[in-house]
Each structure stands twice: as C-alpha cells, then as structure tokens.
Protein backbone atom coordinates (compact mmCIF):
# COMPACT_ATOMS: atom_id res chain seq x y z
CA MET A 1 17.09 -68.62 118.95
CA GLU A 2 17.72 -67.17 122.32
CA ALA A 3 17.52 -69.60 125.25
CA GLN A 4 14.87 -68.76 127.82
CA LYS A 5 15.69 -68.63 131.50
CA GLU A 6 13.68 -70.88 133.77
CA VAL A 7 12.46 -69.92 137.21
CA GLN A 8 11.49 -72.37 139.95
CA LEU A 9 8.36 -71.44 141.85
CA GLY A 10 6.56 -72.95 144.81
CA PRO A 11 6.83 -76.28 146.54
CA SER A 12 6.08 -78.21 143.36
CA GLN A 13 9.37 -76.98 141.86
CA ALA A 14 7.61 -76.50 138.52
CA LYS A 15 9.79 -74.73 135.99
CA VAL A 16 8.13 -71.71 134.46
CA PRO A 17 9.64 -69.37 131.90
CA PRO A 18 9.81 -65.76 133.10
CA MET A 19 7.64 -63.02 131.66
CA SER A 20 8.83 -61.78 128.32
CA GLU A 21 12.03 -59.82 128.33
CA GLY A 22 12.40 -56.59 126.42
CA VAL A 23 9.02 -55.10 127.31
CA SER A 24 8.80 -51.61 128.71
CA PRO A 25 8.58 -51.24 132.50
CA GLU A 26 5.11 -49.70 132.12
CA VAL A 27 3.82 -52.68 130.12
CA ALA A 28 5.41 -55.08 132.62
CA ARG A 29 3.80 -53.23 135.55
CA LYS A 30 0.33 -53.15 133.98
CA SER A 31 0.63 -56.79 132.92
CA ALA A 32 1.67 -57.87 136.40
CA SER A 33 -1.25 -55.92 137.89
CA ILE A 34 -3.74 -57.64 135.58
CA ALA A 35 -2.19 -61.06 136.27
CA LYS A 36 -2.50 -60.44 140.04
CA GLN A 37 -6.21 -59.61 139.65
CA THR A 38 -7.05 -62.56 137.37
CA MET A 39 -7.81 -65.96 138.87
CA SER A 40 -5.99 -68.83 137.21
CA PRO A 41 -8.04 -71.59 135.58
CA PHE A 42 -4.94 -73.80 135.85
CA CYS A 43 -4.31 -73.40 139.61
CA PRO A 44 -7.58 -73.22 141.58
CA GLY A 45 -7.50 -70.56 144.28
CA ARG A 46 -4.46 -68.79 142.82
CA THR A 47 -4.03 -65.86 140.48
CA LEU A 48 -2.25 -66.03 137.15
CA ALA A 49 0.68 -64.18 138.74
CA ASP A 50 1.05 -66.90 141.43
CA CYS A 51 0.36 -69.96 139.29
CA PRO A 52 3.50 -71.97 138.36
CA SER A 53 1.77 -73.71 135.44
CA PRO A 54 3.37 -73.31 131.99
CA ASN A 55 -0.11 -72.52 130.68
CA ALA A 56 -0.36 -69.64 133.14
CA ALA A 57 3.04 -68.38 131.94
CA GLU A 58 1.71 -68.41 128.39
CA TRP A 59 -1.35 -66.44 129.49
CA ARG A 60 0.89 -63.90 131.26
CA ARG A 61 2.77 -63.41 127.98
CA ASP A 62 -0.56 -62.98 126.18
CA ILE A 63 -1.51 -60.33 128.75
CA GLU A 64 1.75 -58.50 128.01
CA LEU A 65 1.00 -58.58 124.28
CA MET A 66 -2.52 -57.24 124.81
CA VAL A 67 -1.23 -54.47 127.11
CA ALA A 68 1.43 -53.58 124.53
CA GLU A 69 -1.35 -53.35 121.92
CA GLY A 70 -3.04 -50.79 124.17
CA ARG A 71 -6.03 -52.85 125.27
CA ASP A 72 -7.96 -51.86 128.38
CA PRO A 73 -7.54 -54.09 131.51
CA SER A 74 -11.28 -54.85 131.59
CA GLU A 75 -11.15 -55.88 127.93
CA ILE A 76 -8.18 -58.17 128.67
CA GLN A 77 -10.08 -59.71 131.61
CA GLU A 78 -13.05 -60.31 129.31
CA VAL A 79 -10.87 -61.98 126.64
CA LEU A 80 -9.31 -64.28 129.24
CA SER A 81 -12.71 -65.10 130.78
CA GLN A 82 -14.08 -66.01 127.35
CA ARG A 83 -11.01 -68.14 126.63
CA ALA A 84 -11.46 -70.08 129.88
CA ALA A 85 -15.30 -70.04 129.72
CA LEU A 86 -15.19 -69.01 133.40
CA ASP A 87 -15.46 -65.84 135.45
CA LEU A 88 -11.81 -65.16 136.35
CA SER A 89 -12.39 -61.89 138.20
CA GLY A 90 -12.36 -63.55 141.62
CA SER A 91 -15.27 -61.41 142.84
CA PRO A 92 -18.46 -63.08 144.11
CA GLN A 93 -21.50 -63.26 141.88
CA LYS A 94 -23.69 -60.26 142.61
CA ASP A 95 -27.01 -62.10 142.50
CA ALA A 96 -26.15 -64.58 145.28
CA SER A 97 -23.28 -62.92 147.11
CA TYR A 98 -25.46 -61.63 149.96
CA ALA A 99 -28.09 -64.39 150.03
CA VAL A 100 -26.02 -66.87 152.05
CA PRO A 101 -25.01 -64.49 154.89
CA VAL A 102 -28.57 -63.13 155.15
CA ALA A 103 -30.01 -66.67 155.23
CA LEU A 104 -27.53 -67.69 157.93
CA LEU A 105 -28.39 -64.62 160.00
CA LEU A 106 -32.12 -65.33 159.74
CA ALA A 107 -31.59 -68.98 160.66
CA ALA A 108 -29.54 -67.96 163.71
CA LEU A 109 -32.22 -65.48 164.81
CA LEU A 110 -34.96 -68.09 164.41
CA LEU A 111 -32.92 -70.61 166.40
CA LEU A 112 -32.33 -68.10 169.21
CA GLY A 113 -36.01 -67.16 169.22
CA PHE A 114 -37.02 -70.82 169.42
CA ILE A 115 -34.60 -71.48 172.29
CA PHE A 116 -35.80 -68.38 174.16
CA PHE A 117 -39.45 -69.36 173.64
CA ARG A 118 -38.82 -72.91 174.89
CA LEU A 119 -36.98 -71.68 177.98
CA ARG A 120 -39.71 -69.17 178.84
CA ARG A 121 -42.49 -71.67 178.24
CA GLY A 122 -40.75 -74.29 180.35
CA LYS A 123 -40.67 -71.96 183.37
CA ALA A 124 -44.36 -71.08 183.05
CA GLU A 125 -45.43 -74.75 182.94
CA LYS A 126 -43.78 -75.86 186.17
CA PRO A 127 -46.08 -78.13 188.20
CA LEU A 128 -47.53 -76.95 191.51
CA GLY A 129 -45.61 -77.61 194.69
CA ASP A 130 -42.07 -76.95 193.45
CA GLY A 131 -41.20 -74.20 195.87
CA PRO A 132 -41.94 -72.64 199.25
CA GLY A 133 -45.39 -71.07 199.56
CA VAL A 134 -46.71 -72.90 196.52
CA PRO A 135 -49.68 -75.21 197.18
CA LYS A 136 -49.06 -78.92 196.75
CA GLU A 137 -52.37 -79.46 194.98
CA ASP A 138 -54.76 -77.49 192.77
CA PRO A 139 -57.03 -75.34 194.99
CA GLY A 140 -60.06 -76.11 192.83
CA PRO A 141 -62.95 -73.98 191.59
CA ASP A 142 -64.39 -73.17 195.05
CA LEU A 143 -61.34 -71.14 196.11
CA ASP A 144 -63.23 -67.84 195.83
CA ASP A 145 -66.03 -69.15 198.05
CA ARG A 146 -63.59 -70.39 200.69
CA LEU A 147 -61.70 -67.08 200.65
CA ALA A 148 -64.97 -65.13 201.07
CA GLU A 149 -65.94 -67.31 204.06
CA GLU A 150 -62.50 -66.84 205.61
CA LEU A 151 -62.72 -63.07 205.20
CA ASP A 152 -66.21 -63.03 206.75
CA ARG A 153 -64.92 -64.93 209.79
CA VAL A 154 -61.94 -62.64 210.26
CA THR A 155 -63.85 -59.37 209.93
C-alpha cells in the first residue's frame, strides 16, 4: 500500500489527506469547483473545499469518483444533499428568502410614520399662550360678537 501524504489545514492543525492523486486535471478542477460550491455538514459555515474534517476529505474523494464517472454537478449536489439530509447548496430558501427583508422594511416604514405622526400631532396640540401674539386664555364662544362690535365702533 502506498502511504498517503497528510496536509495541515487551518488553526486547528487537523490532518487531512489530500485529494486523490492520479486523477486527470479536468476531473480535479471540476471536483474542486463542486467542493467549493457545496456547504460542509461537518464544518458549519464552510464549504467542503475549506473543511479540514477527515469526513469532508472522504466526501471530496467521493466527488472526484462521481465526476470521473461522468455525473452532472447538480446530480452530485443532490446525492450529497440526500446523504446529509440537508440542503448543502448554500443558497437561501426561495419561499422565505425575501420575506424577512420585506418585513423589516415595512416595520421601519411603520415606525417612521408613527414617529412623524406623533411629532406633527404634538405641535398641533400645544396649549394657548406659548408664544408671542398668542392669547393666554381661550377667547370663548362670543368672540365673533365682540369682533363685530369692535368693527362697528371703528367704522
């Protein structure tokens, strides 16, 4: 048996065997591309290409074998997703991907509208006598009569 080389990756210094040797450059390129696009179930937030886990290394070798067999990248992604029982594509779910930003936008607009309404209403409800030329008390219902008398006296 041929001894495998070990590569140290990342701060954890985990030892991971390299991708299989002896594969064609085309298979290696396609395999690496698929591994970079597939999220790792072993290292949350990382792709299979970046994950130092020995399990991820085994999955990378499986990807190489499937590419060498001539399988389509989407088919390989599907096989890996079924194996992990997770969506490993890394793309957001289509049904809820826009709901959160839209809800946040609506909440922000409602909050701004509420603040604007409160500020405008607060200015309209100021009590009498807060500024120059503003009467200190309510003139009462007979204001029209008093104004008419005043106009009659002046004219």
